[in-house]
């Protein structure tokens, strides 16, 4: 049964060497000489002992550390290695950050700058990118839908900046076209490139149509 409590954890003092305060079922608190207290979960996978870091106390309180341990145990029960699952999640998050709309937009802007585009054009493009980025900047570009793009456009239009909202639309489209071109080379995405385009589906078609240059009012958005 669990033996740790918040009161007991607070009372634990560091020593000259790291010490372990066991709790239950491979879960323990590692107290380092510098005073840091780290949650650890020791488990066996394919006959090998493995160790999973669950955070630092008190940033991760005891109840949350127990929850993380239970989640890891559930993965093991379902024949999944918690360490491998975490690595995959981190790789996915890194890949998504690599293809965030704001990053792709910045790449495109730098390309235009190298090509010698006029400063006024670059400034206007950067401004459009910034307006779009307020809502979709950190979203992975391959997951953005027409409805997502419509949010910043409508927000600007509702402020009375109708012309700017209309011109933001092809500016967004240019970022998407650049991302799909061979010029946008991001090594982290190479393994996912074919899958990304294969899984485009109706949302991609809808987005392509939505981003076509147009005049007049913005649509109400895809249903």
N, C-alpha and C. Protein backbone atom coordinates (compact mmCIF):
# COMPACT_ATOMS: atom_id res chain seq x y z
N UNK A 1 0.84 -1.20 0.00
CA UNK A 1 0.00 0.00 0.00
C UNK A 1 0.88 1.26 0.00
N UNK A 2 0.35 2.37 -0.53
CA UNK A 2 1.12 3.62 -0.56
C UNK A 2 1.56 4.05 0.84
N UNK A 3 2.78 4.57 0.94
CA UNK A 3 3.29 5.01 2.23
C UNK A 3 3.61 6.51 2.23
N UNK A 4 3.65 7.13 1.05
CA UNK A 4 3.98 8.54 0.99
C UNK A 4 2.76 9.42 1.27
N UNK A 5 3.05 10.59 1.84
CA UNK A 5 2.03 11.61 2.06
C UNK A 5 2.71 12.96 1.87
N UNK A 6 1.94 14.01 1.68
CA UNK A 6 2.53 15.33 1.49
C UNK A 6 3.36 15.74 2.71
N UNK A 7 2.84 15.44 3.89
CA UNK A 7 3.56 15.80 5.12
C UNK A 7 4.90 15.07 5.19
N UNK A 8 4.90 13.80 4.85
CA UNK A 8 6.13 13.02 4.90
C UNK A 8 7.13 13.50 3.84
N UNK A 9 6.61 13.85 2.66
CA UNK A 9 7.50 14.33 1.60
C UNK A 9 8.18 15.63 2.00
N UNK A 10 7.41 16.53 2.59
CA UNK A 10 7.97 17.82 3.01
C UNK A 10 9.04 17.64 4.10
N UNK A 11 8.89 16.58 4.88
CA UNK A 11 9.83 16.34 5.98
C UNK A 11 11.13 15.69 5.51
N UNK A 12 11.14 15.14 4.31
CA UNK A 12 12.34 14.47 3.80
C UNK A 12 13.45 15.48 3.53
N UNK A 13 14.64 15.23 4.05
CA UNK A 13 15.77 16.12 3.90
C UNK A 13 16.85 15.47 3.02
N UNK A 14 17.54 16.27 2.21
CA UNK A 14 18.60 15.71 1.37
C UNK A 14 19.80 15.24 2.19
N UNK A 15 20.54 14.31 1.62
CA UNK A 15 21.76 13.82 2.25
C UNK A 15 22.93 13.98 1.28
N UNK A 16 24.08 13.48 1.67
CA UNK A 16 25.26 13.63 0.82
C UNK A 16 25.11 12.85 -0.49
N UNK A 17 24.36 11.75 -0.44
CA UNK A 17 24.12 10.95 -1.64
C UNK A 17 22.62 10.90 -1.92
N UNK A 18 22.23 10.66 -3.19
CA UNK A 18 20.80 10.55 -3.52
C UNK A 18 20.16 9.42 -2.72
N UNK A 19 18.93 9.65 -2.26
CA UNK A 19 18.19 8.62 -1.54
C UNK A 19 16.84 8.41 -2.21
N UNK A 20 16.31 7.21 -2.04
CA UNK A 20 15.02 6.87 -2.61
C UNK A 20 14.01 6.62 -1.50
N UNK A 21 12.86 7.26 -1.60
CA UNK A 21 11.78 6.99 -0.66
C UNK A 21 10.69 6.24 -1.42
N UNK A 22 10.62 4.93 -1.16
CA UNK A 22 9.68 4.08 -1.89
C UNK A 22 8.25 4.37 -1.47
N UNK A 23 7.34 4.17 -2.41
CA UNK A 23 5.91 4.30 -2.12
C UNK A 23 5.25 2.94 -2.32
N UNK A 24 4.97 2.59 -3.59
CA UNK A 24 4.28 1.32 -3.83
C UNK A 24 4.44 0.94 -5.30
N UNK A 25 4.66 -0.35 -5.55
CA UNK A 25 4.65 -0.91 -6.90
C UNK A 25 5.63 -0.20 -7.84
N UNK A 26 6.87 -0.02 -7.39
CA UNK A 26 7.90 0.55 -8.25
C UNK A 26 7.92 2.07 -8.29
N UNK A 27 7.01 2.70 -7.59
CA UNK A 27 6.90 4.17 -7.59
C UNK A 27 7.66 4.70 -6.38
N UNK A 28 8.52 5.71 -6.62
CA UNK A 28 9.28 6.25 -5.51
C UNK A 28 9.67 7.71 -5.76
N UNK A 29 10.15 8.35 -4.72
CA UNK A 29 10.61 9.72 -4.79
C UNK A 29 12.12 9.72 -4.62
N UNK A 30 12.83 10.32 -5.56
CA UNK A 30 14.29 10.41 -5.51
C UNK A 30 14.67 11.78 -4.95
N UNK A 31 15.39 11.79 -3.84
CA UNK A 31 15.82 13.05 -3.22
C UNK A 31 17.31 13.22 -3.49
N UNK A 32 17.66 14.28 -4.21
CA UNK A 32 19.05 14.52 -4.58
C UNK A 32 19.74 15.39 -3.53
N UNK A 33 21.07 15.37 -3.51
CA UNK A 33 21.81 16.17 -2.53
C UNK A 33 21.52 17.67 -2.64
N UNK A 34 21.15 18.13 -3.83
CA UNK A 34 20.85 19.57 -3.98
C UNK A 34 19.45 19.93 -3.48
N UNK A 35 18.70 18.93 -2.98
CA UNK A 35 17.38 19.18 -2.43
C UNK A 35 16.22 18.92 -3.36
N UNK A 36 16.49 18.68 -4.65
CA UNK A 36 15.39 18.41 -5.58
C UNK A 36 14.78 17.05 -5.31
N UNK A 37 13.45 16.96 -5.50
CA UNK A 37 12.70 15.73 -5.25
C UNK A 37 12.00 15.33 -6.54
N UNK A 38 12.36 14.17 -7.05
CA UNK A 38 11.94 13.74 -8.38
C UNK A 38 11.13 12.45 -8.32
N UNK A 39 9.99 12.44 -9.00
CA UNK A 39 9.16 11.24 -9.05
C UNK A 39 9.71 10.27 -10.07
N UNK A 40 9.75 9.01 -9.71
CA UNK A 40 10.24 7.96 -10.60
C UNK A 40 9.34 6.73 -10.50
N UNK A 41 9.19 6.05 -11.64
CA UNK A 41 8.40 4.81 -11.67
C UNK A 41 9.26 3.74 -12.34
N UNK A 42 9.59 2.72 -11.57
CA UNK A 42 10.41 1.62 -12.06
C UNK A 42 9.49 0.46 -12.46
N UNK A 43 9.71 -0.05 -13.66
CA UNK A 43 8.86 -1.13 -14.15
C UNK A 43 9.68 -2.07 -15.03
N UNK A 44 9.11 -3.19 -15.39
CA UNK A 44 9.79 -4.15 -16.26
C UNK A 44 9.06 -4.23 -17.59
N UNK A 45 9.88 -4.24 -18.65
CA UNK A 45 9.32 -4.34 -19.99
C UNK A 45 10.20 -5.28 -20.81
N UNK A 46 9.59 -6.35 -21.32
CA UNK A 46 10.33 -7.37 -22.07
C UNK A 46 11.53 -7.88 -21.26
N UNK A 47 11.27 -8.15 -20.00
CA UNK A 47 12.24 -8.71 -19.07
C UNK A 47 13.37 -7.75 -18.71
N UNK A 48 13.23 -6.49 -19.04
CA UNK A 48 14.25 -5.51 -18.70
C UNK A 48 13.66 -4.46 -17.77
N UNK A 49 14.49 -4.02 -16.82
CA UNK A 49 14.04 -2.98 -15.90
C UNK A 49 14.17 -1.62 -16.57
N UNK A 50 13.12 -0.81 -16.48
CA UNK A 50 13.12 0.52 -17.08
C UNK A 50 12.65 1.53 -16.05
N UNK A 51 12.99 2.79 -16.31
CA UNK A 51 12.67 3.85 -15.37
C UNK A 51 11.99 5.00 -16.11
N UNK A 52 10.88 5.47 -15.56
CA UNK A 52 10.12 6.55 -16.16
C UNK A 52 10.09 7.75 -15.22
N UNK A 53 10.49 8.92 -15.70
CA UNK A 53 10.44 10.15 -14.90
C UNK A 53 9.02 10.70 -14.95
N UNK A 54 8.49 11.06 -13.79
CA UNK A 54 7.11 11.54 -13.70
C UNK A 54 7.00 13.00 -13.24
N UNK A 55 8.13 13.69 -13.21
CA UNK A 55 8.08 15.09 -12.83
C UNK A 55 8.80 15.38 -11.53
N UNK A 56 8.71 16.65 -11.13
CA UNK A 56 9.43 17.12 -9.95
C UNK A 56 8.43 17.64 -8.91
N UNK A 57 8.68 17.28 -7.67
CA UNK A 57 7.87 17.78 -6.55
C UNK A 57 8.44 19.13 -6.10
N UNK A 58 7.64 20.16 -5.81
CA UNK A 58 6.17 20.13 -5.68
C UNK A 58 5.40 20.54 -6.94
N UNK A 59 6.14 20.80 -8.06
CA UNK A 59 5.43 21.15 -9.30
C UNK A 59 4.41 20.09 -9.66
N UNK A 60 4.80 18.82 -9.47
CA UNK A 60 3.87 17.69 -9.63
C UNK A 60 3.57 17.18 -8.23
N UNK A 61 2.35 17.40 -7.77
CA UNK A 61 1.99 16.98 -6.42
C UNK A 61 1.81 15.47 -6.37
N UNK A 62 1.71 14.94 -5.17
CA UNK A 62 1.62 13.49 -4.97
C UNK A 62 0.45 12.87 -5.73
N UNK A 63 -0.72 13.50 -5.67
CA UNK A 63 -1.90 12.93 -6.36
C UNK A 63 -1.68 12.85 -7.86
N UNK A 64 -1.04 13.88 -8.44
CA UNK A 64 -0.78 13.87 -9.89
C UNK A 64 0.28 12.84 -10.24
N UNK A 65 1.25 12.67 -9.37
CA UNK A 65 2.28 11.67 -9.62
C UNK A 65 1.67 10.27 -9.59
N UNK A 66 0.76 10.03 -8.65
CA UNK A 66 0.05 8.73 -8.62
C UNK A 66 -0.73 8.52 -9.91
N UNK A 67 -1.39 9.59 -10.37
CA UNK A 67 -2.17 9.48 -11.61
C UNK A 67 -1.27 9.13 -12.79
N UNK A 68 -0.11 9.76 -12.86
CA UNK A 68 0.82 9.47 -13.95
C UNK A 68 1.33 8.03 -13.87
N UNK A 69 1.58 7.57 -12.64
CA UNK A 69 2.01 6.18 -12.47
C UNK A 69 0.93 5.22 -12.93
N UNK A 70 -0.34 5.51 -12.57
CA UNK A 70 -1.45 4.65 -12.97
C UNK A 70 -1.62 4.64 -14.49
N UNK A 71 -1.41 5.79 -15.13
CA UNK A 71 -1.50 5.84 -16.59
C UNK A 71 -0.42 4.96 -17.22
N UNK A 72 0.78 5.00 -16.64
CA UNK A 72 1.87 4.16 -17.14
C UNK A 72 1.55 2.68 -16.94
N UNK A 73 0.98 2.35 -15.80
CA UNK A 73 0.61 0.96 -15.54
C UNK A 73 -0.47 0.49 -16.51
N UNK A 74 -1.39 1.36 -16.85
CA UNK A 74 -2.44 1.01 -17.81
C UNK A 74 -1.84 0.71 -19.18
N UNK A 75 -0.84 1.50 -19.58
CA UNK A 75 -0.17 1.25 -20.86
C UNK A 75 0.50 -0.11 -20.86
N UNK A 76 1.17 -0.43 -19.76
CA UNK A 76 1.83 -1.73 -19.65
C UNK A 76 0.82 -2.85 -19.74
N UNK A 77 -0.33 -2.66 -19.09
CA UNK A 77 -1.38 -3.69 -19.12
C UNK A 77 -1.91 -3.89 -20.54
N UNK A 78 -1.79 -2.85 -21.37
CA UNK A 78 -2.24 -2.93 -22.77
C UNK A 78 -1.09 -3.21 -23.73
N UNK A 79 -0.01 -3.79 -23.18
CA UNK A 79 1.16 -4.19 -23.98
C UNK A 79 1.82 -3.01 -24.69
N UNK A 80 1.89 -1.87 -23.99
CA UNK A 80 2.59 -0.70 -24.52
C UNK A 80 3.64 -0.26 -23.52
N UNK A 81 4.82 0.10 -24.04
CA UNK A 81 5.90 0.56 -23.18
C UNK A 81 5.72 2.06 -22.92
N UNK A 82 5.53 2.47 -21.67
CA UNK A 82 5.33 3.90 -21.36
C UNK A 82 6.45 4.79 -21.86
N UNK A 83 7.69 4.32 -21.80
CA UNK A 83 8.82 5.13 -22.27
C UNK A 83 8.74 5.35 -23.78
N UNK A 84 8.39 4.31 -24.52
CA UNK A 84 8.27 4.42 -25.97
C UNK A 84 7.11 5.33 -26.35
N UNK A 85 6.00 5.22 -25.62
CA UNK A 85 4.84 6.07 -25.88
C UNK A 85 5.21 7.52 -25.66
N UNK A 86 5.95 7.81 -24.60
CA UNK A 86 6.35 9.20 -24.32
C UNK A 86 7.27 9.73 -25.41
N UNK A 87 8.22 8.92 -25.86
CA UNK A 87 9.12 9.36 -26.92
C UNK A 87 8.35 9.67 -28.20
N UNK A 88 7.36 8.83 -28.50
CA UNK A 88 6.55 9.05 -29.70
C UNK A 88 5.75 10.34 -29.58
N UNK A 89 5.21 10.60 -28.38
CA UNK A 89 4.45 11.83 -28.15
C UNK A 89 5.33 13.06 -28.31
N UNK A 90 6.56 12.99 -27.78
CA UNK A 90 7.48 14.12 -27.90
C UNK A 90 7.88 14.35 -29.36
N UNK A 91 8.10 13.25 -30.10
CA UNK A 91 8.46 13.38 -31.51
C UNK A 91 7.33 14.00 -32.30
N UNK A 92 6.10 13.59 -31.99
CA UNK A 92 4.93 14.14 -32.67
C UNK A 92 4.78 15.63 -32.38
N UNK A 93 4.97 15.99 -31.10
CA UNK A 93 4.85 17.40 -30.72
C UNK A 93 5.92 18.24 -31.40
N UNK A 94 7.14 17.69 -31.50
CA UNK A 94 8.23 18.42 -32.16
C UNK A 94 7.94 18.61 -33.63
N UNK A 95 7.42 17.55 -34.28
CA UNK A 95 7.09 17.64 -35.71
C UNK A 95 5.99 18.66 -35.95
N UNK A 96 4.99 18.69 -35.04
CA UNK A 96 3.90 19.64 -35.19
C UNK A 96 4.39 21.07 -35.02
N UNK A 97 5.33 21.26 -34.08
CA UNK A 97 5.88 22.59 -33.87
C UNK A 97 6.68 23.03 -35.09
N UNK A 98 7.37 22.07 -35.73
CA UNK A 98 8.16 22.37 -36.91
C UNK A 98 7.29 22.87 -38.05
N UNK A 99 6.06 22.37 -38.14
CA UNK A 99 5.19 22.79 -39.24
C UNK A 99 4.06 23.71 -38.77
N UNK A 100 4.29 24.43 -37.68
CA UNK A 100 3.31 25.41 -37.23
C UNK A 100 3.14 26.48 -38.30
N UNK A 101 1.91 26.99 -38.44
CA UNK A 101 1.61 27.98 -39.47
C UNK A 101 2.57 29.17 -39.38
N UNK A 102 2.82 29.67 -38.16
CA UNK A 102 3.68 30.84 -37.99
C UNK A 102 5.09 30.58 -38.50
N UNK A 103 5.59 29.37 -38.30
CA UNK A 103 6.95 29.05 -38.74
C UNK A 103 7.01 28.98 -40.26
N UNK A 104 6.00 28.37 -40.88
CA UNK A 104 5.97 28.28 -42.34
C UNK A 104 5.83 29.66 -42.94
N UNK A 105 4.99 30.50 -42.32
CA UNK A 105 4.80 31.86 -42.80
C UNK A 105 6.11 32.64 -42.73
N UNK A 106 6.87 32.44 -41.64
CA UNK A 106 8.16 33.13 -41.49
C UNK A 106 9.15 32.67 -42.56
N UNK A 107 9.12 31.38 -42.90
CA UNK A 107 9.98 30.85 -43.96
C UNK A 107 9.64 31.51 -45.29
N UNK A 108 8.36 31.61 -45.57
CA UNK A 108 7.92 32.21 -46.83
C UNK A 108 8.34 33.68 -46.90
N UNK A 109 8.17 34.39 -45.80
CA UNK A 109 8.53 35.80 -45.76
C UNK A 109 10.03 35.98 -46.01
N UNK A 110 10.85 35.11 -45.41
CA UNK A 110 12.29 35.18 -45.62
C UNK A 110 12.64 34.89 -47.07
N UNK A 111 11.94 33.95 -47.67
CA UNK A 111 12.16 33.63 -49.10
C UNK A 111 11.87 34.87 -49.95
N UNK A 112 10.77 35.55 -49.68
CA UNK A 112 10.42 36.75 -50.43
C UNK A 112 11.47 37.85 -50.22
N UNK A 113 12.00 37.92 -49.00
CA UNK A 113 13.01 38.94 -48.71
C UNK A 113 14.28 38.66 -49.51
N UNK A 114 14.69 37.39 -49.57
CA UNK A 114 15.88 37.00 -50.33
C UNK A 114 15.67 37.28 -51.82
N UNK A 115 14.45 37.11 -52.28
CA UNK A 115 14.13 37.35 -53.70
C UNK A 115 14.12 38.84 -54.04
N UNK A 116 14.22 39.69 -53.03
CA UNK A 116 14.29 41.11 -53.28
C UNK A 116 12.96 41.82 -53.40
N UNK A 117 11.92 41.27 -52.78
CA UNK A 117 10.62 41.94 -52.82
C UNK A 117 10.70 43.30 -52.12
N UNK A 118 9.84 44.20 -52.52
CA UNK A 118 9.84 45.55 -51.95
C UNK A 118 9.54 45.51 -50.46
N UNK A 119 10.17 46.42 -49.71
CA UNK A 119 9.98 46.46 -48.28
C UNK A 119 8.52 46.70 -47.89
N UNK A 120 7.82 47.51 -48.68
CA UNK A 120 6.41 47.76 -48.38
C UNK A 120 5.60 46.48 -48.53
N UNK A 121 5.92 45.68 -49.55
CA UNK A 121 5.24 44.40 -49.75
C UNK A 121 5.55 43.45 -48.61
N UNK A 122 6.81 43.39 -48.19
CA UNK A 122 7.21 42.50 -47.10
C UNK A 122 6.52 42.91 -45.80
N UNK A 123 6.46 44.22 -45.55
CA UNK A 123 5.83 44.71 -44.32
C UNK A 123 4.35 44.37 -44.29
N UNK A 124 3.68 44.53 -45.43
CA UNK A 124 2.25 44.21 -45.50
C UNK A 124 2.02 42.71 -45.31
N UNK A 125 2.87 41.90 -45.95
CA UNK A 125 2.75 40.44 -45.82
C UNK A 125 2.98 40.01 -44.37
N UNK A 126 3.99 40.60 -43.74
CA UNK A 126 4.28 40.27 -42.35
C UNK A 126 3.11 40.65 -41.45
N UNK A 127 2.48 41.77 -41.75
CA UNK A 127 1.33 42.22 -40.97
C UNK A 127 0.17 41.24 -41.11
N UNK A 128 -0.10 40.79 -42.34
CA UNK A 128 -1.16 39.80 -42.57
C UNK A 128 -0.86 38.51 -41.82
N UNK A 129 0.41 38.08 -41.89
CA UNK A 129 0.80 36.85 -41.19
C UNK A 129 0.58 36.98 -39.68
N UNK A 130 0.89 38.16 -39.15
CA UNK A 130 0.73 38.39 -37.72
C UNK A 130 -0.75 38.35 -37.32
N UNK A 131 -1.61 38.93 -38.14
CA UNK A 131 -3.05 38.90 -37.87
C UNK A 131 -3.59 37.47 -37.92
N UNK A 132 -3.14 36.70 -38.90
CA UNK A 132 -3.56 35.31 -39.02
C UNK A 132 -3.00 34.49 -37.86
N UNK A 133 -1.74 34.78 -37.50
CA UNK A 133 -1.07 34.01 -36.47
C UNK A 133 -1.67 34.13 -35.09
N UNK A 134 -2.40 35.21 -34.86
CA UNK A 134 -3.03 35.39 -33.54
C UNK A 134 -3.98 34.25 -33.22
N UNK A 135 -4.55 33.64 -34.26
CA UNK A 135 -5.51 32.54 -34.06
C UNK A 135 -4.98 31.19 -34.50
N UNK A 136 -4.19 31.15 -35.57
CA UNK A 136 -3.76 29.84 -36.10
C UNK A 136 -2.25 29.70 -36.14
N UNK A 137 -1.51 30.66 -35.58
CA UNK A 137 -0.06 30.65 -35.68
C UNK A 137 0.61 29.41 -35.15
N UNK A 138 0.14 28.88 -34.02
CA UNK A 138 0.77 27.71 -33.40
C UNK A 138 0.14 26.39 -33.81
N UNK A 139 -0.85 26.44 -34.69
CA UNK A 139 -1.49 25.20 -35.14
C UNK A 139 -0.64 24.53 -36.23
N UNK A 140 -0.51 23.19 -36.21
CA UNK A 140 0.17 22.50 -37.31
C UNK A 140 -0.57 22.79 -38.61
N UNK A 141 0.14 23.24 -39.62
CA UNK A 141 -0.51 23.70 -40.85
C UNK A 141 -1.31 22.59 -41.52
N UNK A 142 -0.88 21.34 -41.37
CA UNK A 142 -1.59 20.23 -42.01
C UNK A 142 -2.92 19.92 -41.33
N UNK A 143 -3.16 20.52 -40.15
CA UNK A 143 -4.41 20.27 -39.43
C UNK A 143 -5.39 21.45 -39.51
N UNK A 144 -4.97 22.53 -40.15
CA UNK A 144 -5.80 23.72 -40.23
C UNK A 144 -6.89 23.54 -41.29
N UNK A 145 -8.12 23.89 -40.93
CA UNK A 145 -9.24 23.78 -41.86
C UNK A 145 -9.69 25.17 -42.30
N UNK A 146 -10.59 25.20 -43.28
CA UNK A 146 -11.13 26.46 -43.75
C UNK A 146 -11.82 27.21 -42.62
N UNK A 147 -12.49 26.49 -41.76
CA UNK A 147 -13.17 27.12 -40.63
C UNK A 147 -12.16 27.82 -39.70
N UNK A 148 -10.99 27.19 -39.52
CA UNK A 148 -9.96 27.80 -38.68
C UNK A 148 -9.47 29.11 -39.27
N UNK A 149 -9.24 29.12 -40.59
CA UNK A 149 -8.74 30.32 -41.26
C UNK A 149 -9.78 31.43 -41.22
N UNK A 150 -11.05 31.05 -41.26
CA UNK A 150 -12.11 32.06 -41.26
C UNK A 150 -12.16 32.86 -39.96
N UNK A 151 -11.71 32.26 -38.85
CA UNK A 151 -11.79 32.94 -37.55
C UNK A 151 -11.05 34.28 -37.56
N UNK A 152 -9.73 34.33 -37.91
CA UNK A 152 -9.06 35.63 -37.91
C UNK A 152 -9.61 36.57 -38.98
N UNK A 153 -10.06 36.02 -40.11
CA UNK A 153 -10.62 36.87 -41.17
C UNK A 153 -11.88 37.58 -40.70
N UNK A 154 -12.77 36.83 -40.07
CA UNK A 154 -14.01 37.41 -39.57
C UNK A 154 -13.75 38.40 -38.44
N UNK A 155 -12.74 38.10 -37.61
CA UNK A 155 -12.43 38.98 -36.50
C UNK A 155 -12.00 40.35 -37.03
N UNK A 156 -11.16 40.36 -38.07
CA UNK A 156 -10.70 41.62 -38.66
C UNK A 156 -11.85 42.32 -39.38
N UNK A 157 -12.67 41.55 -40.08
CA UNK A 157 -13.80 42.14 -40.79
C UNK A 157 -14.78 42.79 -39.81
N UNK A 158 -15.02 42.14 -38.68
CA UNK A 158 -15.96 42.67 -37.69
C UNK A 158 -15.45 43.95 -37.03
N UNK A 159 -14.16 44.21 -37.15
CA UNK A 159 -13.60 45.46 -36.62
C UNK A 159 -13.74 46.59 -37.64
N UNK A 160 -14.32 46.28 -38.81
CA UNK A 160 -14.50 47.29 -39.84
C UNK A 160 -13.40 47.30 -40.89
N UNK A 161 -12.40 46.40 -40.75
CA UNK A 161 -11.29 46.35 -41.71
C UNK A 161 -11.61 45.35 -42.82
N UNK A 162 -12.64 45.66 -43.60
CA UNK A 162 -13.15 44.73 -44.60
C UNK A 162 -12.09 44.41 -45.66
N UNK A 163 -11.43 45.43 -46.17
CA UNK A 163 -10.44 45.22 -47.23
C UNK A 163 -9.28 44.37 -46.74
N UNK A 164 -8.85 44.62 -45.51
CA UNK A 164 -7.75 43.83 -44.94
C UNK A 164 -8.14 42.36 -44.81
N UNK A 165 -9.37 42.11 -44.39
CA UNK A 165 -9.85 40.73 -44.24
C UNK A 165 -9.85 40.02 -45.59
N UNK A 166 -10.27 40.73 -46.63
CA UNK A 166 -10.30 40.13 -47.97
C UNK A 166 -8.88 39.81 -48.44
N UNK A 167 -7.93 40.70 -48.17
CA UNK A 167 -6.55 40.50 -48.64
C UNK A 167 -5.80 39.48 -47.79
N UNK A 168 -6.25 39.27 -46.58
CA UNK A 168 -5.61 38.25 -45.74
C UNK A 168 -5.84 36.85 -46.29
N UNK A 169 -6.92 36.67 -46.99
CA UNK A 169 -7.29 35.35 -47.51
C UNK A 169 -6.25 34.80 -48.49
N UNK A 170 -5.89 35.54 -49.56
CA UNK A 170 -4.82 35.03 -50.43
C UNK A 170 -3.46 34.99 -49.75
N UNK A 171 -3.24 35.86 -48.74
CA UNK A 171 -1.98 35.81 -47.99
C UNK A 171 -1.86 34.48 -47.26
N UNK A 172 -2.97 34.02 -46.69
CA UNK A 172 -2.98 32.71 -46.03
C UNK A 172 -2.77 31.61 -47.06
N UNK A 173 -3.43 31.75 -48.21
CA UNK A 173 -3.29 30.75 -49.26
C UNK A 173 -1.86 30.60 -49.74
N UNK A 174 -1.12 31.71 -49.78
CA UNK A 174 0.27 31.65 -50.22
C UNK A 174 1.12 30.82 -49.26
N UNK A 175 0.81 30.91 -47.97
CA UNK A 175 1.54 30.11 -46.98
C UNK A 175 1.27 28.63 -47.18
N UNK A 176 0.02 28.29 -47.41
CA UNK A 176 -0.34 26.88 -47.63
C UNK A 176 0.30 26.34 -48.91
N UNK A 177 0.31 27.15 -49.97
CA UNK A 177 0.91 26.70 -51.22
C UNK A 177 2.42 26.52 -51.06
N UNK A 178 3.05 27.43 -50.31
CA UNK A 178 4.48 27.29 -50.07
C UNK A 178 4.78 26.02 -49.29
N UNK A 179 3.95 25.73 -48.29
CA UNK A 179 4.14 24.52 -47.48
C UNK A 179 4.06 23.26 -48.33
N UNK A 180 3.21 23.27 -49.35
CA UNK A 180 3.02 22.09 -50.19
C UNK A 180 4.07 21.98 -51.29
N UNK A 181 4.90 23.02 -51.45
CA UNK A 181 5.88 23.04 -52.54
C UNK A 181 7.18 22.37 -52.12
N UNK A 182 7.98 21.93 -53.12
CA UNK A 182 9.28 21.31 -52.80
C UNK A 182 10.24 22.29 -52.13
N UNK A 183 10.00 23.59 -52.26
CA UNK A 183 10.90 24.59 -51.68
C UNK A 183 10.87 24.54 -50.15
N UNK A 184 9.72 24.17 -49.59
CA UNK A 184 9.57 24.13 -48.14
C UNK A 184 10.14 22.82 -47.63
N UNK A 185 11.44 22.78 -47.43
CA UNK A 185 12.10 21.52 -47.03
C UNK A 185 12.32 21.51 -45.54
N UNK A 186 11.58 20.64 -44.83
CA UNK A 186 11.75 20.48 -43.39
C UNK A 186 12.01 19.01 -43.11
N UNK A 187 13.25 18.63 -42.78
CA UNK A 187 13.61 17.23 -42.57
C UNK A 187 12.69 16.49 -41.63
N UNK A 188 12.20 17.13 -40.58
CA UNK A 188 11.36 16.44 -39.59
C UNK A 188 10.07 15.95 -40.20
N UNK A 189 9.70 16.50 -41.36
CA UNK A 189 8.42 16.13 -41.95
C UNK A 189 8.55 15.08 -43.03
N UNK A 190 9.79 14.75 -43.46
CA UNK A 190 9.96 13.90 -44.62
C UNK A 190 9.20 12.60 -44.50
N UNK A 191 9.26 11.99 -43.32
CA UNK A 191 8.57 10.71 -43.14
C UNK A 191 7.07 10.83 -43.18
N UNK A 192 6.55 12.05 -42.95
CA UNK A 192 5.11 12.22 -42.90
C UNK A 192 4.53 12.86 -44.15
N UNK A 193 5.39 13.25 -45.10
CA UNK A 193 4.93 14.03 -46.24
C UNK A 193 3.87 13.28 -47.05
N UNK A 194 4.17 12.02 -47.41
CA UNK A 194 3.21 11.28 -48.22
C UNK A 194 1.91 11.08 -47.49
N UNK A 195 2.01 10.73 -46.21
CA UNK A 195 0.80 10.51 -45.43
C UNK A 195 -0.01 11.80 -45.29
N UNK A 196 0.70 12.95 -45.12
CA UNK A 196 0.02 14.21 -44.96
C UNK A 196 -0.85 14.52 -46.17
N UNK A 197 -0.30 14.31 -47.39
CA UNK A 197 -1.06 14.63 -48.59
C UNK A 197 -2.12 13.56 -48.89
N UNK A 198 -1.82 12.32 -48.53
CA UNK A 198 -2.77 11.25 -48.80
C UNK A 198 -4.02 11.41 -47.94
N UNK A 199 -3.83 11.91 -46.71
CA UNK A 199 -4.94 12.03 -45.78
C UNK A 199 -5.64 13.38 -45.86
N UNK A 200 -5.39 14.13 -46.92
CA UNK A 200 -5.96 15.47 -47.04
C UNK A 200 -7.48 15.43 -47.01
N UNK A 201 -8.10 14.61 -47.87
CA UNK A 201 -9.55 14.43 -47.86
C UNK A 201 -10.32 15.69 -48.20
N UNK A 202 -11.59 15.66 -47.83
CA UNK A 202 -12.49 16.75 -48.17
C UNK A 202 -12.10 18.06 -47.50
N UNK A 203 -11.56 18.00 -46.27
CA UNK A 203 -11.17 19.24 -45.60
C UNK A 203 -10.12 19.99 -46.38
N UNK A 204 -9.17 19.27 -47.00
CA UNK A 204 -8.13 19.92 -47.79
C UNK A 204 -8.74 20.57 -49.03
N UNK A 205 -9.67 19.87 -49.69
CA UNK A 205 -10.32 20.43 -50.87
C UNK A 205 -11.10 21.68 -50.49
N UNK A 206 -11.79 21.60 -49.37
CA UNK A 206 -12.58 22.72 -48.88
C UNK A 206 -11.69 23.92 -48.60
N UNK A 207 -10.53 23.66 -48.00
CA UNK A 207 -9.60 24.73 -47.68
C UNK A 207 -9.05 25.35 -48.94
N UNK A 208 -8.70 24.53 -49.93
CA UNK A 208 -8.16 25.04 -51.19
C UNK A 208 -9.14 25.98 -51.88
N UNK A 209 -10.40 25.59 -51.91
CA UNK A 209 -11.42 26.43 -52.52
C UNK A 209 -11.60 27.72 -51.72
N UNK A 210 -11.57 27.60 -50.43
CA UNK A 210 -11.79 28.76 -49.57
C UNK A 210 -10.69 29.80 -49.72
N UNK A 211 -9.45 29.34 -49.97
CA UNK A 211 -8.31 30.24 -50.02
C UNK A 211 -8.07 30.84 -51.39
N UNK A 212 -8.89 30.50 -52.36
CA UNK A 212 -8.74 31.11 -53.68
C UNK A 212 -8.96 32.61 -53.58
N UNK A 213 -8.18 33.41 -54.32
CA UNK A 213 -8.39 34.86 -54.29
C UNK A 213 -9.82 35.20 -54.66
N UNK A 214 -10.41 36.15 -53.94
CA UNK A 214 -11.80 36.50 -54.18
C UNK A 214 -12.02 37.97 -53.91
N UNK A 215 -13.18 38.45 -54.29
CA UNK A 215 -13.55 39.83 -54.05
C UNK A 215 -14.90 39.83 -53.35
N UNK A 216 -15.20 40.92 -52.67
CA UNK A 216 -16.49 41.02 -52.00
C UNK A 216 -16.42 40.52 -50.58
N UNK A 217 -17.57 40.09 -50.07
CA UNK A 217 -17.66 39.69 -48.67
C UNK A 217 -17.09 38.31 -48.42
N UNK A 218 -16.66 38.11 -47.22
CA UNK A 218 -16.20 36.79 -46.82
C UNK A 218 -17.41 35.88 -46.67
N UNK A 219 -17.22 34.57 -46.92
CA UNK A 219 -18.34 33.64 -46.73
C UNK A 219 -18.63 33.43 -45.26
N UNK A 220 -19.77 32.84 -44.97
CA UNK A 220 -20.12 32.55 -43.59
C UNK A 220 -19.23 31.45 -43.03
N UNK A 221 -18.57 30.74 -43.93
CA UNK A 221 -17.68 29.65 -43.49
C UNK A 221 -18.24 28.30 -43.89
N UNK A 222 -17.37 27.28 -43.98
CA UNK A 222 -17.80 25.94 -44.35
C UNK A 222 -18.75 25.37 -43.32
N UNK A 223 -19.75 24.65 -43.77
CA UNK A 223 -20.71 24.07 -42.86
C UNK A 223 -20.14 22.83 -42.20
